[in-house]
Amino acid sequence: MLLDRIKERAKKFDKSLQDVAEETGISPNTIYSWRKKTPRMDKLQQVADLLHTTTDYLSGATDDPSLPSSSESTISIDEDKPYSYHGYPVPEKYLKMIRGLMEDDIKEGKIKPDDKQQ
């Protein structure tokens, strides 16, 4: 799956696996070895960066190849819509727990609207 996804993304940018290897400085043999071996995370990240996607997508943890939007730093969990985490659906019981924790912190004055929490 990994090598197939790399090929698929490379094709979208008119690149071959050889191009990916050259542009990342990773040997073609190393990339081809990923058919059977797990790549080092730093190498996989280089490929993901080149192909404008995430390591989660390349490794099959998610089916969404898009990069996270840096302009959207908050999400609303008030709405009744499905959420996912690394391609897995977030169960409603987890959302209820998060809502409950947030409500407690709001009531206790620990957080305020637009409070930048780190």
Protein backbone atom coordinates (compact mmCIF):
# COMPACT_ATOMS: atom_id res chain seq x y z
CA MET A 1 0.00 0.00 0.00
CA LEU A 2 2.76 2.47 0.94
CA LEU A 3 4.59 2.22 -2.36
CA ASP A 4 1.31 2.39 -4.28
CA ARG A 5 0.33 5.58 -2.50
CA ILE A 6 3.73 7.13 -3.13
CA LYS A 7 3.42 6.27 -6.83
CA GLU A 8 -0.13 7.66 -6.95
CA ARG A 9 0.84 10.96 -5.31
CA ALA A 10 4.01 11.26 -7.39
CA LYS A 11 1.95 10.84 -10.56
CA LYS A 12 -0.27 13.78 -9.52
CA PHE A 13 2.85 15.95 -9.58
CA ASP A 14 4.19 14.41 -12.82
CA LYS A 15 6.98 12.66 -10.94
CA SER A 16 8.31 9.14 -11.12
CA LEU A 17 9.66 7.18 -8.17
CA GLN A 18 13.11 7.98 -9.55
CA ASP A 19 12.25 11.71 -9.35
CA VAL A 20 11.04 11.27 -5.78
CA ALA A 21 14.28 9.52 -4.90
CA GLU A 22 16.45 12.20 -6.49
CA GLU A 23 14.53 15.12 -5.01
CA THR A 24 14.55 13.69 -1.49
CA GLY A 25 18.07 12.30 -1.59
CA ILE A 26 16.77 8.83 -0.76
CA SER A 27 18.13 6.02 -2.88
CA PRO A 28 15.65 4.39 -5.26
CA ASN A 29 16.50 1.00 -3.75
CA THR A 30 15.50 2.28 -0.32
CA ILE A 31 12.14 3.51 -1.61
CA TYR A 32 11.50 0.22 -3.43
CA SER A 33 12.43 -1.70 -0.24
CA TRP A 34 9.39 -0.11 1.43
CA ARG A 35 7.28 -2.77 -0.30
CA LYS A 36 8.40 -5.12 2.45
CA LYS A 37 10.12 -2.93 5.05
CA THR A 38 8.85 -0.14 7.26
CA PRO A 39 10.58 3.12 6.35
CA ARG A 40 12.31 5.37 8.84
CA MET A 41 9.92 8.13 9.85
CA ASP A 42 12.30 10.92 8.78
CA LYS A 43 12.58 9.42 5.28
CA LEU A 44 8.84 8.95 4.97
CA GLN A 45 8.32 12.55 6.13
CA GLN A 46 10.67 13.77 3.38
CA VAL A 47 8.59 11.95 0.78
CA ALA A 48 5.32 13.21 2.29
CA ASP A 49 6.62 16.80 2.24
CA LEU A 50 7.68 16.49 -1.39
CA LEU A 51 4.29 15.07 -2.37
CA HIS A 52 2.28 17.59 -0.31
CA THR A 53 0.61 15.00 1.88
CA THR A 54 0.96 13.40 5.30
CA THR A 55 2.80 10.32 6.48
CA ASP A 56 -0.55 9.05 7.79
CA TYR A 57 -1.92 9.08 4.25
CA LEU A 58 1.13 7.41 2.71
CA SER A 59 1.17 4.69 5.37
CA GLY A 60 -2.57 4.03 5.07
CA ALA A 61 -3.65 5.38 8.46
CA THR A 62 -6.06 7.73 6.67
CA ASP A 63 -7.57 7.97 3.22
CA ASP A 64 -7.38 11.78 3.17
CA PRO A 65 -4.25 12.95 1.33
CA SER A 66 -4.76 16.62 2.16
CA LEU A 67 -2.53 18.48 4.57
CA PRO A 68 -4.07 19.87 7.74
CA SER A 69 -5.15 23.47 7.30
CA SER A 70 -3.00 25.80 9.35
CA SER A 71 -5.56 28.59 8.97
CA GLU A 72 -8.26 26.57 10.76
CA SER A 73 -7.03 26.09 14.29
CA THR A 74 -10.38 25.32 15.95
CA ILE A 75 -13.24 22.96 15.31
CA SER A 76 -16.73 23.02 16.69
CA ILE A 77 -17.90 19.90 18.45
CA ASP A 78 -21.32 21.44 19.09
CA GLU A 79 -22.63 20.26 15.74
CA ASP A 80 -24.03 16.83 15.09
CA LYS A 81 -21.60 15.64 12.43
CA PRO A 82 -19.07 12.81 12.26
CA TYR A 83 -15.48 13.39 13.34
CA SER A 84 -12.43 11.27 12.73
CA TYR A 85 -8.97 10.89 14.22
CA HIS A 86 -6.26 9.41 11.99
CA GLY A 87 -8.97 7.93 9.80
CA TYR A 88 -10.92 6.33 12.66
CA PRO A 89 -14.40 7.58 13.61
CA VAL A 90 -14.58 9.36 16.98
CA PRO A 91 -17.30 7.69 19.07
CA GLU A 92 -20.07 9.92 20.44
CA LYS A 93 -19.11 8.88 24.00
CA TYR A 94 -15.67 10.52 23.48
CA LEU A 95 -17.27 13.71 22.19
CA LYS A 96 -19.57 13.74 25.24
CA MET A 97 -16.52 13.40 27.51
CA ILE A 98 -14.78 16.31 25.77
CA ARG A 99 -17.94 18.44 25.97
CA GLY A 100 -18.27 17.64 29.68
CA LEU A 101 -14.64 18.53 30.41
CA MET A 102 -15.02 21.78 28.48
CA GLU A 103 -18.24 22.70 30.31
CA ASP A 104 -16.55 22.11 33.68
CA ASP A 105 -13.58 24.30 32.75
CA ILE A 106 -15.87 27.04 31.41
CA LYS A 107 -17.97 27.01 34.60
CA GLU A 108 -14.85 27.15 36.78
CA GLY A 109 -13.46 30.04 34.73
CA LYS A 110 -10.38 28.07 33.68
CA ILE A 111 -10.89 28.96 30.03
CA LYS A 112 -12.56 31.77 28.15
CA PRO A 113 -13.67 32.14 24.51
CA ASP A 114 -10.67 32.44 22.16
CA ASP A 115 -8.34 31.57 25.05
CA LYS A 116 -5.16 30.25 23.42
CA GLN A 117 -4.40 27.02 25.28
CA GLN A 118 -1.12 25.25 24.60
